[in-house]
Amino acid sequence: YTSAAEAARFDQPAIRCMEQVDGPGLYDTVHRHRLTMCGYLPTTVVLMAARALGATQGTLVDYTHSGWVTGDDTSVVSYAGMIIA
């Protein structure tokens, strides 16, 4: 867990890779920045498959964190919803 502010900063490189439909880039980003992204391997595979099927852009439709529910921004888990097309 991390603060909401740190989570937002740490999540941006991964979100950028998803917006670019860049599976290998996401994999590298998670490892290079030591991100604790759950499901990054399936997400990497989905991005690679989507790219192979012609997808060129990911759109962030929602970004939130657990602190918005608990009221505690000092220790959160964040979530991003993306549309890949």
N, C-alpha and C. Protein backbone atom coordinates (compact mmCIF):
# COMPACT_ATOMS: atom_id res chain seq x y z
N TYR A 1 0.84 -1.19 0.00
CA TYR A 1 0.00 0.00 0.00
C TYR A 1 0.88 1.25 0.00
N THR A 2 0.32 2.30 -0.54
CA THR A 2 1.03 3.57 -0.61
C THR A 2 0.00 4.69 -0.48
N SER A 3 0.46 5.91 -0.35
CA SER A 3 -0.47 7.03 -0.25
C SER A 3 -1.15 7.25 -1.61
N ALA A 4 -2.27 7.93 -1.58
CA ALA A 4 -3.00 8.22 -2.82
C ALA A 4 -2.14 9.03 -3.79
N ALA A 5 -1.40 9.99 -3.27
CA ALA A 5 -0.55 10.83 -4.13
C ALA A 5 0.56 10.00 -4.76
N GLU A 6 1.19 9.13 -3.98
CA GLU A 6 2.25 8.28 -4.54
C GLU A 6 1.68 7.30 -5.55
N ALA A 7 0.51 6.73 -5.25
CA ALA A 7 -0.12 5.78 -6.17
C ALA A 7 -0.38 6.44 -7.52
N ALA A 8 -0.91 7.65 -7.51
CA ALA A 8 -1.20 8.36 -8.76
C ALA A 8 0.08 8.57 -9.56
N ARG A 9 1.16 8.94 -8.88
CA ARG A 9 2.44 9.16 -9.56
C ARG A 9 3.00 7.84 -10.10
N PHE A 10 2.94 6.76 -9.31
CA PHE A 10 3.47 5.47 -9.72
C PHE A 10 2.64 4.86 -10.85
N ASP A 11 1.35 5.12 -10.85
CA ASP A 11 0.46 4.50 -11.83
C ASP A 11 0.58 5.13 -13.22
N GLN A 12 1.03 6.35 -13.32
CA GLN A 12 1.06 7.05 -14.60
C GLN A 12 1.88 6.34 -15.68
N PRO A 13 3.07 5.83 -15.39
CA PRO A 13 3.82 5.14 -16.45
C PRO A 13 3.08 3.91 -16.99
N ALA A 14 2.42 3.16 -16.11
CA ALA A 14 1.67 1.99 -16.55
C ALA A 14 0.46 2.40 -17.37
N ILE A 15 -0.24 3.44 -16.94
CA ILE A 15 -1.40 3.92 -17.68
C ILE A 15 -0.98 4.40 -19.07
N ARG A 16 0.14 5.09 -19.16
CA ARG A 16 0.63 5.54 -20.48
C ARG A 16 0.86 4.35 -21.42
N CYS A 17 1.44 3.27 -20.89
CA CYS A 17 1.66 2.09 -21.73
C CYS A 17 0.34 1.50 -22.20
N MET A 18 -0.65 1.47 -21.33
CA MET A 18 -1.96 0.94 -21.73
C MET A 18 -2.62 1.86 -22.75
N GLU A 19 -2.44 3.16 -22.61
CA GLU A 19 -2.98 4.10 -23.59
C GLU A 19 -2.33 3.91 -24.96
N GLN A 20 -1.08 3.48 -24.96
CA GLN A 20 -0.33 3.27 -26.20
C GLN A 20 -0.47 1.83 -26.71
N VAL A 21 -1.25 1.02 -26.01
CA VAL A 21 -1.44 -0.41 -26.34
C VAL A 21 -0.06 -1.07 -26.49
N ASP A 22 0.76 -0.86 -25.49
CA ASP A 22 2.15 -1.33 -25.50
C ASP A 22 2.36 -2.38 -24.41
N GLY A 23 2.08 -3.63 -24.75
CA GLY A 23 2.24 -4.72 -23.80
C GLY A 23 3.67 -4.89 -23.31
N PRO A 24 4.65 -5.00 -24.22
CA PRO A 24 6.04 -5.13 -23.76
C PRO A 24 6.48 -3.92 -22.93
N GLY A 25 6.02 -2.74 -23.31
CA GLY A 25 6.35 -1.55 -22.54
C GLY A 25 5.78 -1.61 -21.13
N LEU A 26 4.55 -2.12 -21.00
CA LEU A 26 3.95 -2.27 -19.67
C LEU A 26 4.77 -3.24 -18.83
N TYR A 27 5.11 -4.38 -19.41
CA TYR A 27 5.91 -5.37 -18.69
C TYR A 27 7.22 -4.75 -18.20
N ASP A 28 7.92 -4.06 -19.09
CA ASP A 28 9.18 -3.43 -18.73
C ASP A 28 8.99 -2.35 -17.67
N THR A 29 7.94 -1.56 -17.80
CA THR A 29 7.67 -0.47 -16.86
C THR A 29 7.41 -1.02 -15.45
N VAL A 30 6.62 -2.07 -15.37
CA VAL A 30 6.32 -2.67 -14.06
C VAL A 30 7.62 -3.12 -13.39
N HIS A 31 8.49 -3.76 -14.15
CA HIS A 31 9.74 -4.25 -13.57
C HIS A 31 10.73 -3.12 -13.30
N ARG A 32 10.85 -2.18 -14.23
CA ARG A 32 11.83 -1.10 -14.07
C ARG A 32 11.49 -0.21 -12.87
N HIS A 33 10.20 0.08 -12.70
CA HIS A 33 9.77 0.97 -11.61
C HIS A 33 9.34 0.20 -10.36
N ARG A 34 9.45 -1.12 -10.42
CA ARG A 34 9.07 -1.97 -9.29
C ARG A 34 7.64 -1.69 -8.84
N LEU A 35 6.73 -1.63 -9.81
CA LEU A 35 5.32 -1.37 -9.52
C LEU A 35 4.68 -2.63 -8.96
N THR A 36 3.69 -2.45 -8.13
CA THR A 36 2.97 -3.58 -7.53
C THR A 36 1.61 -3.75 -8.19
N MET A 37 1.60 -3.71 -9.51
CA MET A 37 0.36 -3.83 -10.28
C MET A 37 -0.11 -5.27 -10.29
N CYS A 38 -1.30 -5.50 -9.77
CA CYS A 38 -1.91 -6.83 -9.84
C CYS A 38 -2.37 -7.08 -11.27
N GLY A 39 -2.15 -8.27 -11.77
CA GLY A 39 -2.64 -8.64 -13.09
C GLY A 39 -1.86 -8.06 -14.25
N TYR A 40 -0.61 -7.66 -14.02
CA TYR A 40 0.14 -7.05 -15.11
C TYR A 40 0.48 -8.05 -16.22
N LEU A 41 0.66 -9.32 -15.87
CA LEU A 41 0.95 -10.30 -16.93
C LEU A 41 -0.26 -10.52 -17.83
N PRO A 42 -1.47 -10.76 -17.29
CA PRO A 42 -2.62 -10.87 -18.20
C PRO A 42 -2.87 -9.57 -18.97
N THR A 43 -2.63 -8.43 -18.34
CA THR A 43 -2.82 -7.15 -19.04
C THR A 43 -1.82 -7.01 -20.18
N THR A 44 -0.60 -7.43 -19.95
CA THR A 44 0.42 -7.41 -21.01
C THR A 44 -0.03 -8.26 -22.19
N VAL A 45 -0.54 -9.45 -21.92
CA VAL A 45 -0.98 -10.36 -22.98
C VAL A 45 -2.17 -9.75 -23.73
N VAL A 46 -3.12 -9.18 -23.00
CA VAL A 46 -4.28 -8.56 -23.64
C VAL A 46 -3.84 -7.41 -24.54
N LEU A 47 -2.92 -6.59 -24.07
CA LEU A 47 -2.43 -5.48 -24.90
C LEU A 47 -1.75 -5.99 -26.16
N MET A 48 -0.96 -7.04 -26.02
CA MET A 48 -0.27 -7.60 -27.19
C MET A 48 -1.28 -8.19 -28.18
N ALA A 49 -2.28 -8.89 -27.67
CA ALA A 49 -3.30 -9.46 -28.55
C ALA A 49 -4.11 -8.36 -29.22
N ALA A 50 -4.48 -7.35 -28.45
CA ALA A 50 -5.25 -6.23 -29.01
C ALA A 50 -4.46 -5.53 -30.11
N ARG A 51 -3.18 -5.32 -29.87
CA ARG A 51 -2.32 -4.68 -30.89
C ARG A 51 -2.28 -5.55 -32.15
N ALA A 52 -2.13 -6.86 -31.98
CA ALA A 52 -2.08 -7.77 -33.13
C ALA A 52 -3.40 -7.77 -33.90
N LEU A 53 -4.50 -7.49 -33.21
CA LEU A 53 -5.81 -7.44 -33.86
C LEU A 53 -6.16 -6.06 -34.40
N GLY A 54 -5.22 -5.12 -34.27
CA GLY A 54 -5.41 -3.81 -34.88
C GLY A 54 -5.70 -2.66 -33.92
N ALA A 55 -5.74 -2.90 -32.63
CA ALA A 55 -5.98 -1.81 -31.68
C ALA A 55 -4.80 -0.85 -31.69
N THR A 56 -5.10 0.43 -31.59
CA THR A 56 -4.04 1.44 -31.63
C THR A 56 -4.09 2.42 -30.47
N GLN A 57 -5.14 2.36 -29.66
CA GLN A 57 -5.27 3.36 -28.60
C GLN A 57 -6.02 2.79 -27.40
N GLY A 58 -5.55 3.18 -26.24
CA GLY A 58 -6.26 2.89 -25.01
C GLY A 58 -6.78 4.20 -24.44
N THR A 59 -7.97 4.16 -23.91
CA THR A 59 -8.58 5.36 -23.32
C THR A 59 -8.89 5.09 -21.86
N LEU A 60 -8.37 5.90 -20.98
CA LEU A 60 -8.66 5.79 -19.56
C LEU A 60 -10.08 6.30 -19.32
N VAL A 61 -10.95 5.44 -18.80
CA VAL A 61 -12.34 5.86 -18.56
C VAL A 61 -12.60 6.14 -17.08
N ASP A 62 -11.78 5.57 -16.21
CA ASP A 62 -11.93 5.86 -14.79
C ASP A 62 -10.65 5.49 -14.05
N TYR A 63 -10.32 6.28 -13.07
CA TYR A 63 -9.19 6.01 -12.19
C TYR A 63 -9.64 6.35 -10.78
N THR A 64 -9.47 5.41 -9.90
CA THR A 64 -9.91 5.63 -8.52
C THR A 64 -8.97 4.89 -7.57
N HIS A 65 -9.19 5.07 -6.30
CA HIS A 65 -8.42 4.33 -5.30
C HIS A 65 -9.30 4.05 -4.09
N SER A 66 -8.87 3.10 -3.30
CA SER A 66 -9.67 2.65 -2.16
C SER A 66 -9.92 3.74 -1.13
N GLY A 67 -9.08 4.75 -1.08
CA GLY A 67 -9.27 5.84 -0.13
C GLY A 67 -10.53 6.63 -0.37
N TRP A 68 -11.04 6.61 -1.60
CA TRP A 68 -12.28 7.31 -1.89
C TRP A 68 -13.47 6.64 -1.21
N VAL A 69 -13.30 5.36 -0.86
CA VAL A 69 -14.35 4.63 -0.14
C VAL A 69 -14.10 4.67 1.36
N THR A 70 -12.85 4.43 1.76
CA THR A 70 -12.54 4.34 3.19
C THR A 70 -12.32 5.70 3.84
N GLY A 71 -11.99 6.71 3.04
CA GLY A 71 -11.67 8.02 3.58
C GLY A 71 -10.23 8.13 4.04
N ASP A 72 -9.45 7.09 3.87
CA ASP A 72 -8.04 7.07 4.28
C ASP A 72 -7.16 7.13 3.04
N ASP A 73 -6.54 8.27 2.77
CA ASP A 73 -5.67 8.43 1.61
C ASP A 73 -4.22 8.06 1.90
N THR A 74 -3.93 7.59 3.11
CA THR A 74 -2.54 7.28 3.46
C THR A 74 -2.12 5.89 3.02
N SER A 75 -3.07 5.01 2.74
CA SER A 75 -2.75 3.63 2.40
C SER A 75 -3.83 3.11 1.46
N VAL A 76 -3.54 3.17 0.15
CA VAL A 76 -4.58 2.86 -0.83
C VAL A 76 -4.14 1.80 -1.83
N VAL A 77 -5.14 1.26 -2.49
CA VAL A 77 -4.99 0.43 -3.68
C VAL A 77 -5.72 1.18 -4.79
N SER A 78 -5.09 1.32 -5.94
CA SER A 78 -5.71 2.09 -7.01
C SER A 78 -6.20 1.16 -8.12
N TYR A 79 -7.13 1.70 -8.92
CA TYR A 79 -7.78 0.96 -9.99
C TYR A 79 -7.90 1.85 -11.21
N ALA A 80 -7.67 1.28 -12.39
CA ALA A 80 -7.84 2.01 -13.64
C ALA A 80 -8.73 1.20 -14.56
N GLY A 81 -9.69 1.87 -15.18
CA GLY A 81 -10.54 1.24 -16.19
C GLY A 81 -10.15 1.79 -17.56
N MET A 82 -9.89 0.91 -18.51
CA MET A 82 -9.42 1.30 -19.83
C MET A 82 -10.31 0.70 -20.91
N ILE A 83 -10.48 1.42 -21.99
CA ILE A 83 -11.06 0.88 -23.22
C ILE A 83 -9.93 0.80 -24.23
N ILE A 84 -9.74 -0.37 -24.81
CA ILE A 84 -8.70 -0.58 -25.80
C ILE A 84 -9.38 -0.76 -27.16
N ALA A 85 -9.03 0.09 -28.11
CA ALA A 85 -9.67 0.00 -29.43
C ALA A 85 -8.66 0.29 -30.53
